Amino acid sequence: MKKVKRTPFEHEIVLGKNIWRIRDHLGLGPRDIGKKLKMTEKQYLQMERGALVPLPKLEIIGKVLGHPVQKRDIRRISFKRKLEMETGVEQVELIDIYNEIFPHPEVED
């Protein structure tokens, strides 16, 4: 039986793009971050393209990119993701949270 591919939610794509922008701005390669996450470059790139990023990995990515993720943000994300799984309705508030955590490099002060 074939495994059905899940279409990523919009907030997952936004998170991946935000991570990519900051990584690109810092001049880091996907292999650099993948090593710190103990995963392959391909696995890391899947997260940048919209795969679900586990919260422990998100914390590590934040540290590597110089944008540490606060525990309160992890709790907010966890709550919204759980709500999303229970209701089946995409939680667009996650986009705002991800934009707070990983702002666009040109927007930073």
N, C-alpha and C. Protein backbone atom coordinates (compact mmCIF):
# COMPACT_ATOMS: atom_id res chain seq x y z
N MET A 1 0.83 -1.18 0.00
CA MET A 1 0.00 0.00 0.00
C MET A 1 0.88 1.25 0.00
N LYS A 2 0.57 2.20 -0.87
CA LYS A 2 1.36 3.42 -1.00
C LYS A 2 1.04 4.39 0.13
N LYS A 3 2.08 5.07 0.58
CA LYS A 3 1.91 6.10 1.59
C LYS A 3 1.46 7.38 0.90
N VAL A 4 0.39 7.97 1.38
CA VAL A 4 -0.14 9.19 0.78
C VAL A 4 0.63 10.39 1.32
N LYS A 5 1.11 11.23 0.41
CA LYS A 5 1.83 12.43 0.82
C LYS A 5 0.85 13.45 1.36
N ARG A 6 1.23 14.06 2.47
CA ARG A 6 0.41 15.08 3.10
C ARG A 6 0.79 16.43 2.50
N THR A 7 -0.20 17.21 2.15
CA THR A 7 0.04 18.56 1.66
C THR A 7 0.38 19.44 2.86
N PRO A 8 1.49 20.15 2.81
CA PRO A 8 1.86 20.99 3.97
C PRO A 8 0.89 22.15 4.14
N PHE A 9 0.67 22.50 5.40
CA PHE A 9 -0.15 23.67 5.70
C PHE A 9 0.63 24.92 5.33
N GLU A 10 -0.09 26.02 5.15
CA GLU A 10 0.55 27.28 4.78
C GLU A 10 1.55 27.72 5.85
N HIS A 11 1.21 27.54 7.12
CA HIS A 11 2.13 27.98 8.19
C HIS A 11 3.42 27.18 8.17
N GLU A 12 3.38 25.92 7.74
CA GLU A 12 4.61 25.12 7.66
C GLU A 12 5.51 25.63 6.53
N ILE A 13 4.90 26.05 5.44
CA ILE A 13 5.66 26.62 4.32
C ILE A 13 6.28 27.95 4.73
N VAL A 14 5.51 28.77 5.46
CA VAL A 14 6.02 30.06 5.93
C VAL A 14 7.20 29.85 6.86
N LEU A 15 7.10 28.88 7.77
CA LEU A 15 8.20 28.58 8.69
C LEU A 15 9.45 28.19 7.91
N GLY A 16 9.30 27.30 6.94
CA GLY A 16 10.42 26.86 6.13
C GLY A 16 11.07 28.01 5.37
N LYS A 17 10.26 28.91 4.81
CA LYS A 17 10.80 30.06 4.08
C LYS A 17 11.53 31.02 5.01
N ASN A 18 10.97 31.21 6.21
CA ASN A 18 11.62 32.11 7.17
C ASN A 18 12.98 31.55 7.58
N ILE A 19 13.03 30.24 7.84
CA ILE A 19 14.29 29.60 8.22
C ILE A 19 15.28 29.72 7.06
N TRP A 20 14.81 29.48 5.84
CA TRP A 20 15.70 29.56 4.68
C TRP A 20 16.26 30.97 4.51
N ARG A 21 15.40 32.00 4.66
CA ARG A 21 15.86 33.38 4.48
C ARG A 21 16.97 33.73 5.47
N ILE A 22 16.77 33.36 6.73
CA ILE A 22 17.78 33.68 7.74
C ILE A 22 19.06 32.89 7.48
N ARG A 23 18.92 31.61 7.15
CA ARG A 23 20.10 30.77 6.87
C ARG A 23 20.87 31.35 5.69
N ASP A 24 20.15 31.75 4.64
CA ASP A 24 20.79 32.32 3.46
C ASP A 24 21.46 33.65 3.80
N HIS A 25 20.81 34.47 4.60
CA HIS A 25 21.35 35.77 5.00
C HIS A 25 22.65 35.60 5.79
N LEU A 26 22.71 34.54 6.61
CA LEU A 26 23.91 34.27 7.40
C LEU A 26 25.00 33.56 6.60
N GLY A 27 24.66 33.10 5.41
CA GLY A 27 25.62 32.41 4.57
C GLY A 27 25.89 30.97 4.99
N LEU A 28 24.96 30.38 5.72
CA LEU A 28 25.11 28.98 6.15
C LEU A 28 24.52 28.05 5.09
N GLY A 29 25.12 26.89 4.95
CA GLY A 29 24.60 25.88 4.04
C GLY A 29 23.67 24.93 4.78
N PRO A 30 22.80 24.24 4.05
CA PRO A 30 21.90 23.28 4.70
C PRO A 30 22.66 22.17 5.41
N ARG A 31 23.82 21.82 4.90
CA ARG A 31 24.62 20.77 5.53
C ARG A 31 25.10 21.21 6.92
N ASP A 32 25.44 22.51 7.05
CA ASP A 32 25.90 23.04 8.34
C ASP A 32 24.85 22.86 9.43
N ILE A 33 23.63 23.23 9.12
CA ILE A 33 22.55 23.11 10.11
C ILE A 33 22.15 21.65 10.27
N GLY A 34 22.13 20.90 9.19
CA GLY A 34 21.79 19.48 9.26
C GLY A 34 22.70 18.72 10.21
N LYS A 35 23.99 19.04 10.19
CA LYS A 35 24.94 18.38 11.10
C LYS A 35 24.60 18.67 12.55
N LYS A 36 24.26 19.92 12.84
CA LYS A 36 23.93 20.30 14.21
C LYS A 36 22.64 19.63 14.68
N LEU A 37 21.75 19.32 13.73
CA LEU A 37 20.48 18.67 14.05
C LEU A 37 20.60 17.15 14.02
N LYS A 38 21.79 16.66 13.66
CA LYS A 38 22.03 15.22 13.51
C LYS A 38 21.07 14.61 12.49
N MET A 39 20.99 15.27 11.35
CA MET A 39 20.18 14.77 10.24
C MET A 39 20.90 15.07 8.94
N THR A 40 20.43 14.43 7.88
CA THR A 40 21.06 14.64 6.59
C THR A 40 20.63 15.98 6.00
N GLU A 41 21.39 16.41 5.02
CA GLU A 41 21.05 17.66 4.32
C GLU A 41 19.66 17.55 3.70
N LYS A 42 19.36 16.38 3.14
CA LYS A 42 18.06 16.17 2.49
C LYS A 42 16.91 16.27 3.50
N GLN A 43 17.09 15.68 4.68
CA GLN A 43 16.05 15.75 5.70
C GLN A 43 15.84 17.20 6.14
N TYR A 44 16.94 17.93 6.30
CA TYR A 44 16.83 19.34 6.69
C TYR A 44 16.10 20.14 5.61
N LEU A 45 16.48 19.93 4.35
CA LEU A 45 15.84 20.67 3.26
C LEU A 45 14.34 20.38 3.17
N GLN A 46 13.93 19.17 3.54
CA GLN A 46 12.49 18.87 3.56
C GLN A 46 11.77 19.78 4.55
N MET A 47 12.40 20.06 5.67
CA MET A 47 11.78 20.96 6.65
C MET A 47 11.68 22.38 6.09
N GLU A 48 12.69 22.80 5.35
CA GLU A 48 12.65 24.14 4.75
C GLU A 48 11.56 24.22 3.67
N ARG A 49 11.19 23.09 3.12
CA ARG A 49 10.19 23.07 2.04
C ARG A 49 8.77 22.81 2.55
N GLY A 50 8.59 22.73 3.86
CA GLY A 50 7.23 22.62 4.38
C GLY A 50 6.92 21.38 5.19
N ALA A 51 7.91 20.54 5.45
CA ALA A 51 7.65 19.39 6.32
C ALA A 51 7.50 19.90 7.75
N LEU A 52 6.76 19.16 8.55
CA LEU A 52 6.55 19.54 9.94
C LEU A 52 7.89 19.51 10.69
N VAL A 53 8.20 20.61 11.36
CA VAL A 53 9.45 20.72 12.11
C VAL A 53 9.15 20.36 13.57
N PRO A 54 9.74 19.27 14.08
CA PRO A 54 9.53 18.94 15.48
C PRO A 54 10.02 20.07 16.39
N LEU A 55 9.35 20.28 17.50
CA LEU A 55 9.69 21.40 18.37
C LEU A 55 11.12 21.35 18.92
N PRO A 56 11.65 20.18 19.30
CA PRO A 56 13.06 20.17 19.73
C PRO A 56 14.01 20.61 18.61
N LYS A 57 13.71 20.22 17.38
CA LYS A 57 14.55 20.62 16.24
C LYS A 57 14.41 22.12 16.00
N LEU A 58 13.19 22.65 16.20
CA LEU A 58 12.95 24.08 16.02
C LEU A 58 13.80 24.89 17.01
N GLU A 59 13.91 24.39 18.23
CA GLU A 59 14.74 25.07 19.23
C GLU A 59 16.21 25.10 18.80
N ILE A 60 16.70 23.98 18.28
CA ILE A 60 18.09 23.90 17.84
C ILE A 60 18.32 24.81 16.63
N ILE A 61 17.38 24.80 15.69
CA ILE A 61 17.50 25.67 14.51
C ILE A 61 17.56 27.12 14.95
N GLY A 62 16.71 27.50 15.91
CA GLY A 62 16.71 28.87 16.42
C GLY A 62 18.06 29.26 17.00
N LYS A 63 18.66 28.35 17.78
CA LYS A 63 19.97 28.63 18.37
C LYS A 63 21.04 28.80 17.30
N VAL A 64 21.03 27.90 16.31
CA VAL A 64 22.03 27.95 15.24
C VAL A 64 21.91 29.24 14.43
N LEU A 65 20.67 29.70 14.21
CA LEU A 65 20.44 30.89 13.40
C LEU A 65 20.55 32.18 14.21
N GLY A 66 20.77 32.06 15.50
CA GLY A 66 20.87 33.27 16.33
C GLY A 66 19.53 33.84 16.73
N HIS A 67 18.48 33.04 16.66
CA HIS A 67 17.14 33.44 17.05
C HIS A 67 16.59 32.40 18.03
N PRO A 68 17.08 32.40 19.27
CA PRO A 68 16.64 31.38 20.21
C PRO A 68 15.12 31.42 20.41
N VAL A 69 14.52 30.25 20.43
CA VAL A 69 13.06 30.14 20.58
C VAL A 69 12.75 30.03 22.08
N GLN A 70 11.96 30.95 22.57
CA GLN A 70 11.60 30.98 23.98
C GLN A 70 10.64 29.85 24.32
N LYS A 71 10.69 29.41 25.58
CA LYS A 71 9.80 28.32 26.03
C LYS A 71 8.34 28.70 25.88
N ARG A 72 8.00 29.97 26.10
CA ARG A 72 6.59 30.39 25.96
C ARG A 72 6.13 30.25 24.50
N ASP A 73 7.06 30.50 23.56
CA ASP A 73 6.71 30.34 22.15
C ASP A 73 6.52 28.86 21.81
N ILE A 74 7.36 28.00 22.40
CA ILE A 74 7.21 26.56 22.18
C ILE A 74 5.84 26.10 22.69
N ARG A 75 5.45 26.59 23.86
CA ARG A 75 4.13 26.22 24.41
C ARG A 75 3.00 26.72 23.52
N ARG A 76 3.12 27.94 23.01
CA ARG A 76 2.09 28.48 22.11
C ARG A 76 1.98 27.65 20.84
N ILE A 77 3.13 27.30 20.26
CA ILE A 77 3.14 26.49 19.04
C ILE A 77 2.55 25.11 19.32
N SER A 78 2.96 24.52 20.42
CA SER A 78 2.47 23.19 20.79
C SER A 78 0.95 23.20 20.94
N PHE A 79 0.42 24.21 21.61
CA PHE A 79 -1.02 24.32 21.80
C PHE A 79 -1.75 24.44 20.46
N LYS A 80 -1.25 25.31 19.60
CA LYS A 80 -1.89 25.52 18.29
C LYS A 80 -1.82 24.26 17.42
N ARG A 81 -0.67 23.58 17.44
CA ARG A 81 -0.53 22.35 16.65
C ARG A 81 -1.48 21.27 17.15
N LYS A 82 -1.61 21.15 18.48
CA LYS A 82 -2.51 20.16 19.05
C LYS A 82 -3.95 20.48 18.67
N LEU A 83 -4.31 21.74 18.75
CA LEU A 83 -5.65 22.18 18.36
C LEU A 83 -5.91 21.88 16.88
N GLU A 84 -4.89 22.08 16.07
CA GLU A 84 -4.99 21.81 14.63
C GLU A 84 -5.25 20.33 14.37
N MET A 85 -4.53 19.47 15.11
CA MET A 85 -4.72 18.03 14.93
C MET A 85 -6.10 17.58 15.39
N GLU A 86 -6.59 18.15 16.48
CA GLU A 86 -7.88 17.76 17.02
C GLU A 86 -9.04 18.22 16.15
N THR A 87 -8.94 19.44 15.63
CA THR A 87 -10.05 20.00 14.86
C THR A 87 -9.92 19.78 13.36
N GLY A 88 -8.69 19.59 12.89
CA GLY A 88 -8.47 19.45 11.45
C GLY A 88 -8.48 20.78 10.72
N VAL A 89 -8.54 21.88 11.47
CA VAL A 89 -8.58 23.22 10.90
C VAL A 89 -7.20 23.86 11.05
N GLU A 90 -6.68 24.38 9.94
CA GLU A 90 -5.36 25.01 9.99
C GLU A 90 -5.38 26.21 10.92
N GLN A 91 -4.38 26.30 11.76
CA GLN A 91 -4.26 27.40 12.71
C GLN A 91 -3.38 28.49 12.11
N VAL A 92 -4.01 29.48 11.49
CA VAL A 92 -3.25 30.52 10.80
C VAL A 92 -2.49 31.41 11.78
N GLU A 93 -2.84 31.36 13.07
CA GLU A 93 -2.11 32.14 14.07
C GLU A 93 -0.66 31.68 14.15
N LEU A 94 -0.40 30.44 13.74
CA LEU A 94 0.97 29.94 13.75
C LEU A 94 1.87 30.75 12.82
N ILE A 95 1.32 31.29 11.75
CA ILE A 95 2.11 32.12 10.83
C ILE A 95 2.65 33.33 11.59
N ASP A 96 1.79 33.97 12.40
CA ASP A 96 2.23 35.14 13.17
C ASP A 96 3.32 34.77 14.17
N ILE A 97 3.15 33.62 14.82
CA ILE A 97 4.15 33.17 15.79
C ILE A 97 5.49 32.92 15.09
N TYR A 98 5.44 32.22 13.95
CA TYR A 98 6.68 31.93 13.21
C TYR A 98 7.34 33.21 12.71
N ASN A 99 6.54 34.20 12.30
CA ASN A 99 7.11 35.46 11.84
C ASN A 99 7.74 36.24 12.99
N GLU A 100 7.21 36.08 14.21
CA GLU A 100 7.82 36.71 15.39
C GLU A 100 9.17 36.06 15.71
N ILE A 101 9.18 34.74 15.68
CA ILE A 101 10.38 33.99 16.06
C ILE A 101 11.49 34.17 15.03
N PHE A 102 11.15 34.03 13.76
CA PHE A 102 12.14 34.13 12.68
C PHE A 102 11.75 35.26 11.73
N PRO A 103 12.02 36.52 12.13
CA PRO A 103 11.64 37.65 11.28
C PRO A 103 12.48 37.71 10.01
N HIS A 104 11.96 38.37 9.02
CA HIS A 104 12.67 38.53 7.76
C HIS A 104 13.96 39.30 8.05
N PRO A 105 15.11 38.85 7.52
CA PRO A 105 16.40 39.49 7.84
C PRO A 105 16.45 41.00 7.58
N GLU A 106 15.76 41.49 6.56
CA GLU A 106 15.80 42.92 6.26
C GLU A 106 14.98 43.72 7.24
N VAL A 107 14.06 43.08 7.96
CA VAL A 107 13.18 43.76 8.90
C VAL A 107 13.87 44.00 10.24
N GLU A 108 14.90 43.21 10.54
CA GLU A 108 15.59 43.31 11.83
C GLU A 108 16.23 44.67 12.02
N ASP A 109 16.32 45.07 13.28
CA ASP A 109 16.96 46.34 13.62
C ASP A 109 18.44 46.17 13.80
